[in-house]
N, C-alpha and C. Protein backbone atom coordinates (compact mmCIF):
# COMPACT_ATOMS: atom_id res chain seq x y z
N UNK A 1 -134.62 126.78 -27.47
CA UNK A 1 -133.54 126.40 -26.57
C UNK A 1 -133.06 127.64 -25.81
N UNK A 2 -132.92 127.47 -24.53
CA UNK A 2 -132.36 128.55 -23.70
C UNK A 2 -131.14 128.03 -22.96
N UNK A 3 -130.08 128.80 -22.97
CA UNK A 3 -128.84 128.45 -22.30
C UNK A 3 -128.52 129.55 -21.30
N UNK A 4 -128.44 129.18 -20.04
CA UNK A 4 -128.22 130.15 -18.97
C UNK A 4 -126.87 129.88 -18.32
N UNK A 5 -125.92 130.75 -18.59
CA UNK A 5 -124.57 130.59 -18.04
C UNK A 5 -124.43 131.36 -16.74
N UNK A 6 -123.57 130.84 -15.88
CA UNK A 6 -123.28 131.51 -14.62
C UNK A 6 -121.92 131.09 -14.11
N UNK A 7 -121.45 131.79 -13.08
CA UNK A 7 -120.20 131.40 -12.44
C UNK A 7 -119.02 132.31 -12.68
N UNK A 8 -119.18 133.29 -13.52
CA UNK A 8 -118.08 134.20 -13.78
C UNK A 8 -117.78 135.08 -12.57
N UNK A 9 -116.65 135.77 -12.63
CA UNK A 9 -116.29 136.66 -11.54
C UNK A 9 -114.87 137.17 -11.68
N UNK A 10 -114.43 137.84 -10.65
CA UNK A 10 -113.07 138.39 -10.60
C UNK A 10 -112.21 137.52 -9.71
N UNK A 11 -111.12 137.02 -10.27
CA UNK A 11 -110.20 136.17 -9.53
C UNK A 11 -108.78 136.62 -9.80
N UNK A 12 -107.86 136.07 -9.02
CA UNK A 12 -106.45 136.37 -9.22
C UNK A 12 -105.79 135.28 -10.05
N UNK A 13 -104.70 135.62 -10.68
CA UNK A 13 -103.95 134.64 -11.45
C UNK A 13 -103.60 133.45 -10.57
N UNK A 14 -103.79 132.25 -11.14
CA UNK A 14 -103.53 131.02 -10.39
C UNK A 14 -104.75 130.44 -9.72
N UNK A 15 -105.80 131.24 -9.61
CA UNK A 15 -107.04 130.77 -8.99
C UNK A 15 -107.82 129.86 -9.92
N UNK A 16 -108.89 129.29 -9.37
CA UNK A 16 -109.79 128.43 -10.13
C UNK A 16 -111.20 129.02 -10.12
N UNK A 17 -111.96 128.62 -11.12
CA UNK A 17 -113.35 129.08 -11.24
C UNK A 17 -114.10 128.01 -12.01
N UNK A 18 -115.36 127.80 -11.68
CA UNK A 18 -116.18 126.86 -12.43
C UNK A 18 -117.39 127.57 -13.01
N UNK A 19 -117.52 127.47 -14.30
CA UNK A 19 -118.68 128.02 -14.99
C UNK A 19 -119.73 126.92 -15.18
N UNK A 20 -120.98 127.32 -15.14
CA UNK A 20 -122.09 126.40 -15.37
C UNK A 20 -122.98 126.97 -16.46
N UNK A 21 -123.63 126.07 -17.17
CA UNK A 21 -124.58 126.49 -18.19
C UNK A 21 -125.72 125.49 -18.21
N UNK A 22 -126.90 125.96 -17.83
CA UNK A 22 -128.07 125.09 -17.81
C UNK A 22 -128.88 125.30 -19.08
N UNK A 23 -129.24 124.19 -19.69
CA UNK A 23 -129.99 124.25 -20.94
C UNK A 23 -131.44 123.83 -20.72
N UNK A 24 -132.31 124.40 -21.49
CA UNK A 24 -133.71 124.01 -21.44
C UNK A 24 -134.30 124.12 -22.84
N UNK A 25 -135.37 123.40 -23.06
CA UNK A 25 -136.06 123.52 -24.33
C UNK A 25 -136.10 122.26 -25.16
N UNK A 26 -135.15 121.35 -24.94
CA UNK A 26 -135.20 120.07 -25.65
C UNK A 26 -134.27 119.10 -24.93
N UNK A 27 -134.40 117.79 -25.22
CA UNK A 27 -133.61 116.79 -24.50
C UNK A 27 -132.12 117.08 -24.57
N UNK A 28 -131.52 117.29 -23.43
CA UNK A 28 -130.14 117.77 -23.34
C UNK A 28 -129.13 116.73 -23.82
N UNK A 29 -129.36 115.48 -23.49
CA UNK A 29 -128.34 114.45 -23.71
C UNK A 29 -128.06 114.20 -25.18
N UNK A 30 -128.96 114.62 -26.06
CA UNK A 30 -128.80 114.31 -27.48
C UNK A 30 -127.92 115.30 -28.23
N UNK A 31 -127.46 116.34 -27.54
CA UNK A 31 -126.80 117.43 -28.25
C UNK A 31 -125.43 117.75 -27.67
N UNK A 32 -124.58 118.22 -28.55
CA UNK A 32 -123.23 118.61 -28.16
C UNK A 32 -123.26 119.98 -27.49
N UNK A 33 -122.32 120.18 -26.58
CA UNK A 33 -122.24 121.46 -25.86
C UNK A 33 -120.82 121.99 -25.93
N UNK A 34 -120.71 123.29 -25.86
CA UNK A 34 -119.38 123.88 -25.93
C UNK A 34 -119.28 125.19 -25.18
N UNK A 35 -118.03 125.61 -25.00
CA UNK A 35 -117.73 126.91 -24.42
C UNK A 35 -116.85 127.70 -25.38
N UNK A 36 -117.14 128.96 -25.51
CA UNK A 36 -116.36 129.88 -26.31
C UNK A 36 -116.09 131.11 -25.45
N UNK A 37 -115.17 131.95 -25.89
CA UNK A 37 -114.91 133.16 -25.12
C UNK A 37 -114.54 134.31 -26.07
N UNK A 38 -114.76 135.51 -25.59
CA UNK A 38 -114.41 136.70 -26.35
C UNK A 38 -113.73 137.69 -25.43
N UNK A 39 -112.47 137.92 -25.69
CA UNK A 39 -111.70 138.89 -24.92
C UNK A 39 -111.92 140.29 -25.48
N UNK A 40 -111.68 141.31 -24.68
CA UNK A 40 -111.88 142.68 -25.16
C UNK A 40 -111.08 142.96 -26.43
N UNK A 41 -111.75 143.45 -27.44
CA UNK A 41 -111.08 143.80 -28.68
C UNK A 41 -110.71 142.64 -29.58
N UNK A 42 -111.15 141.44 -29.21
CA UNK A 42 -110.81 140.26 -30.00
C UNK A 42 -112.06 139.54 -30.47
N UNK A 43 -111.87 138.65 -31.42
CA UNK A 43 -112.99 137.86 -31.91
C UNK A 43 -113.30 136.72 -30.94
N UNK A 44 -114.53 136.24 -31.01
CA UNK A 44 -114.92 135.10 -30.20
C UNK A 44 -114.12 133.88 -30.63
N UNK A 45 -113.66 133.09 -29.66
CA UNK A 45 -112.86 131.93 -29.99
C UNK A 45 -113.35 130.69 -29.25
N UNK A 46 -113.02 129.57 -29.84
CA UNK A 46 -113.37 128.27 -29.28
C UNK A 46 -112.56 128.00 -28.02
N UNK A 47 -113.20 127.39 -27.01
CA UNK A 47 -112.50 126.99 -25.80
C UNK A 47 -112.56 125.48 -25.63
N UNK A 48 -113.76 124.90 -25.64
CA UNK A 48 -113.90 123.46 -25.43
C UNK A 48 -115.27 123.00 -25.90
N UNK A 49 -115.32 121.76 -26.34
CA UNK A 49 -116.60 121.14 -26.67
C UNK A 49 -116.64 119.73 -26.10
N UNK A 50 -117.87 119.27 -25.87
CA UNK A 50 -118.08 117.90 -25.39
C UNK A 50 -119.24 117.31 -26.19
N UNK A 51 -118.99 116.16 -26.75
CA UNK A 51 -120.04 115.50 -27.52
C UNK A 51 -119.88 113.99 -27.38
N UNK A 52 -120.62 113.25 -28.19
CA UNK A 52 -120.59 111.80 -28.06
C UNK A 52 -119.23 111.21 -28.39
N UNK A 53 -118.41 111.96 -29.11
CA UNK A 53 -117.10 111.42 -29.48
C UNK A 53 -116.03 111.74 -28.43
N UNK A 54 -116.37 112.62 -27.49
CA UNK A 54 -115.41 112.96 -26.45
C UNK A 54 -115.32 114.44 -26.21
N UNK A 55 -114.12 114.90 -25.87
CA UNK A 55 -113.90 116.29 -25.53
C UNK A 55 -112.76 116.85 -26.39
N UNK A 56 -112.89 118.12 -26.72
CA UNK A 56 -111.83 118.81 -27.45
C UNK A 56 -111.57 120.14 -26.76
N UNK A 57 -110.31 120.56 -26.80
CA UNK A 57 -109.92 121.81 -26.14
C UNK A 57 -109.05 122.65 -27.06
N UNK A 58 -109.13 123.95 -26.86
CA UNK A 58 -108.18 124.84 -27.51
C UNK A 58 -106.81 124.61 -26.88
N UNK A 59 -105.77 124.77 -27.67
CA UNK A 59 -104.42 124.55 -27.15
C UNK A 59 -104.12 125.45 -25.96
N UNK A 60 -104.67 126.64 -25.97
CA UNK A 60 -104.37 127.62 -24.92
C UNK A 60 -104.92 127.23 -23.55
N UNK A 61 -105.88 126.31 -23.52
CA UNK A 61 -106.47 125.92 -22.23
C UNK A 61 -106.23 124.46 -21.89
N UNK A 62 -105.64 123.72 -22.80
CA UNK A 62 -105.42 122.29 -22.59
C UNK A 62 -104.59 122.09 -21.32
N UNK A 63 -105.05 121.15 -20.48
CA UNK A 63 -104.33 120.87 -19.24
C UNK A 63 -104.75 121.74 -18.08
N UNK A 64 -105.47 122.82 -18.37
CA UNK A 64 -105.92 123.73 -17.29
C UNK A 64 -107.44 123.74 -17.15
N UNK A 65 -108.14 123.61 -18.26
CA UNK A 65 -109.60 123.64 -18.25
C UNK A 65 -110.15 122.24 -18.49
N UNK A 66 -111.31 121.96 -17.89
CA UNK A 66 -111.99 120.69 -18.09
C UNK A 66 -113.46 120.94 -18.33
N UNK A 67 -113.97 120.42 -19.44
CA UNK A 67 -115.39 120.52 -19.73
C UNK A 67 -116.05 119.21 -19.31
N UNK A 68 -117.24 119.33 -18.74
CA UNK A 68 -118.00 118.15 -18.34
C UNK A 68 -119.49 118.47 -18.44
N UNK A 69 -120.29 117.44 -18.34
CA UNK A 69 -121.73 117.65 -18.42
C UNK A 69 -122.45 116.71 -17.48
N UNK A 70 -123.59 117.17 -17.01
CA UNK A 70 -124.49 116.37 -16.19
C UNK A 70 -125.82 116.32 -16.93
N UNK A 71 -126.06 115.22 -17.60
CA UNK A 71 -127.27 115.12 -18.42
C UNK A 71 -128.54 115.17 -17.57
N UNK A 72 -128.47 114.64 -16.37
CA UNK A 72 -129.64 114.65 -15.49
C UNK A 72 -130.03 116.08 -15.10
N UNK A 73 -129.01 116.95 -15.02
CA UNK A 73 -129.25 118.35 -14.66
C UNK A 73 -129.27 119.28 -15.88
N UNK A 74 -129.12 118.70 -17.06
CA UNK A 74 -129.09 119.50 -18.30
C UNK A 74 -128.09 120.65 -18.20
N UNK A 75 -126.94 120.33 -17.66
CA UNK A 75 -125.95 121.37 -17.38
C UNK A 75 -124.57 120.96 -17.91
N UNK A 76 -123.89 121.91 -18.47
CA UNK A 76 -122.51 121.73 -18.88
C UNK A 76 -121.64 122.63 -18.01
N UNK A 77 -120.46 122.15 -17.67
CA UNK A 77 -119.56 122.88 -16.78
C UNK A 77 -118.23 123.15 -17.49
N UNK A 78 -117.57 124.18 -17.02
CA UNK A 78 -116.20 124.44 -17.44
C UNK A 78 -115.39 124.73 -16.18
N UNK A 79 -114.59 123.76 -15.78
CA UNK A 79 -113.70 123.94 -14.63
C UNK A 79 -112.42 124.59 -15.14
N UNK A 80 -112.09 125.73 -14.59
CA UNK A 80 -110.93 126.48 -15.05
C UNK A 80 -109.94 126.59 -13.91
N UNK A 81 -108.78 126.00 -14.09
CA UNK A 81 -107.72 126.02 -13.07
C UNK A 81 -106.53 126.81 -13.60
N UNK A 82 -105.68 127.21 -12.68
CA UNK A 82 -104.46 127.95 -13.04
C UNK A 82 -104.77 129.09 -13.99
N UNK A 83 -105.73 129.88 -13.63
CA UNK A 83 -106.17 130.96 -14.51
C UNK A 83 -105.07 131.99 -14.72
N UNK A 84 -105.06 132.54 -15.92
CA UNK A 84 -104.07 133.54 -16.30
C UNK A 84 -104.79 134.82 -16.70
N UNK A 85 -104.12 135.95 -16.64
CA UNK A 85 -104.76 137.20 -17.08
C UNK A 85 -105.28 137.11 -18.51
N UNK A 86 -104.61 136.36 -19.37
CA UNK A 86 -105.06 136.24 -20.75
C UNK A 86 -106.32 135.40 -20.90
N UNK A 87 -106.78 134.79 -19.82
CA UNK A 87 -108.06 134.09 -19.85
C UNK A 87 -109.24 135.05 -19.63
N UNK A 88 -108.94 136.30 -19.33
CA UNK A 88 -109.99 137.29 -19.14
C UNK A 88 -110.83 137.43 -20.40
N UNK A 89 -112.13 137.24 -20.26
CA UNK A 89 -113.03 137.27 -21.41
C UNK A 89 -114.47 137.08 -20.94
N UNK A 90 -115.37 137.33 -21.84
CA UNK A 90 -116.75 136.90 -21.64
C UNK A 90 -116.85 135.48 -22.19
N UNK A 91 -117.33 134.59 -21.35
CA UNK A 91 -117.44 133.18 -21.72
C UNK A 91 -118.89 132.86 -22.08
N UNK A 92 -119.05 132.18 -23.21
CA UNK A 92 -120.37 131.83 -23.72
C UNK A 92 -120.50 130.32 -23.82
N UNK A 93 -121.62 129.79 -23.37
CA UNK A 93 -121.89 128.40 -23.67
C UNK A 93 -122.70 128.33 -24.96
N UNK A 94 -122.64 127.19 -25.59
CA UNK A 94 -123.30 127.02 -26.89
C UNK A 94 -123.72 125.58 -27.06
N UNK A 95 -124.70 125.39 -27.90
CA UNK A 95 -125.20 124.05 -28.19
C UNK A 95 -125.23 123.80 -29.68
N UNK A 96 -124.82 122.61 -30.05
CA UNK A 96 -124.88 122.16 -31.44
C UNK A 96 -126.04 121.19 -31.58
N UNK A 97 -126.77 121.31 -32.67
CA UNK A 97 -127.96 120.48 -32.84
C UNK A 97 -127.68 119.09 -33.33
N UNK A 98 -126.66 118.44 -32.80
CA UNK A 98 -126.32 117.08 -33.20
C UNK A 98 -125.50 116.44 -32.09
N UNK A 99 -125.46 115.11 -32.05
CA UNK A 99 -124.71 114.44 -30.98
C UNK A 99 -123.19 114.60 -31.12
N UNK A 100 -122.72 114.83 -32.34
CA UNK A 100 -121.30 115.02 -32.58
C UNK A 100 -121.12 116.40 -33.23
N UNK A 101 -120.16 117.14 -32.70
CA UNK A 101 -119.90 118.50 -33.18
C UNK A 101 -118.71 118.46 -34.11
N UNK A 102 -118.96 118.70 -35.41
CA UNK A 102 -117.86 118.78 -36.37
C UNK A 102 -116.99 119.97 -36.01
N UNK A 103 -115.74 119.70 -35.71
CA UNK A 103 -114.85 120.76 -35.23
C UNK A 103 -114.77 121.90 -36.22
N UNK A 104 -114.97 123.10 -35.73
CA UNK A 104 -114.93 124.28 -36.59
C UNK A 104 -116.28 124.74 -37.08
N UNK A 105 -117.28 123.92 -36.93
CA UNK A 105 -118.62 124.34 -37.37
C UNK A 105 -119.26 125.18 -36.27
N UNK A 106 -120.08 126.15 -36.64
CA UNK A 106 -120.67 127.04 -35.63
C UNK A 106 -121.77 126.34 -34.85
N UNK A 107 -122.02 126.82 -33.64
CA UNK A 107 -123.13 126.26 -32.86
C UNK A 107 -124.48 126.70 -33.43
N UNK A 108 -125.51 126.03 -32.98
CA UNK A 108 -126.86 126.41 -33.37
C UNK A 108 -127.49 127.39 -32.38
N UNK A 109 -127.06 127.32 -31.16
CA UNK A 109 -127.62 128.19 -30.13
C UNK A 109 -126.49 128.72 -29.23
N UNK A 110 -126.67 129.98 -28.85
CA UNK A 110 -125.74 130.63 -27.93
C UNK A 110 -126.46 131.00 -26.65
N UNK A 111 -125.73 130.92 -25.54
CA UNK A 111 -126.23 131.46 -24.29
C UNK A 111 -125.74 132.88 -24.10
N UNK A 112 -126.22 133.50 -23.05
CA UNK A 112 -125.68 134.83 -22.75
C UNK A 112 -124.32 134.63 -22.10
N UNK A 113 -123.48 135.60 -22.13
CA UNK A 113 -122.14 135.43 -21.62
C UNK A 113 -122.04 135.64 -20.13
N UNK A 114 -120.93 135.14 -19.59
CA UNK A 114 -120.60 135.41 -18.20
C UNK A 114 -119.14 135.88 -18.17
N UNK A 115 -118.90 136.97 -17.48
CA UNK A 115 -117.59 137.62 -17.52
C UNK A 115 -116.63 137.00 -16.51
N UNK A 116 -115.46 136.64 -17.02
CA UNK A 116 -114.37 136.16 -16.17
C UNK A 116 -113.23 137.17 -16.27
N UNK A 117 -112.82 137.69 -15.15
CA UNK A 117 -111.71 138.64 -15.10
C UNK A 117 -110.62 138.08 -14.19
N UNK A 118 -109.42 137.96 -14.76
CA UNK A 118 -108.30 137.41 -14.01
C UNK A 118 -107.27 138.52 -13.83
N UNK A 119 -107.02 138.88 -12.59
CA UNK A 119 -106.05 139.94 -12.31
C UNK A 119 -104.68 139.33 -12.06
N UNK A 120 -103.66 140.10 -12.40
CA UNK A 120 -102.28 139.59 -12.24
C UNK A 120 -101.73 139.92 -10.87
């Protein structure tokens, strides 16, 4: 499985950004997808997941971020609105080897990160 993330960049507080992650290697629609992030000096943390049961978000991004997927394009997206400086991090997409992702369980595959920097 290969996960290729893109879309990061430098934006100002209040701006929007959309991250994309294209997956290859096995049928995309059968597996759960997620986004995680790691801020400088901090541990990697959960941001959002999408699976057959629906979508889940971290409290810190609820109402501002939206995860979605296009199975035909084997791509998962993270629409990020009203960005804040504390959203600055390397964002990683990830895949779980099952249609439903048990919350808190680690992914099976990680993509490379894409850096999002939000200036104040």
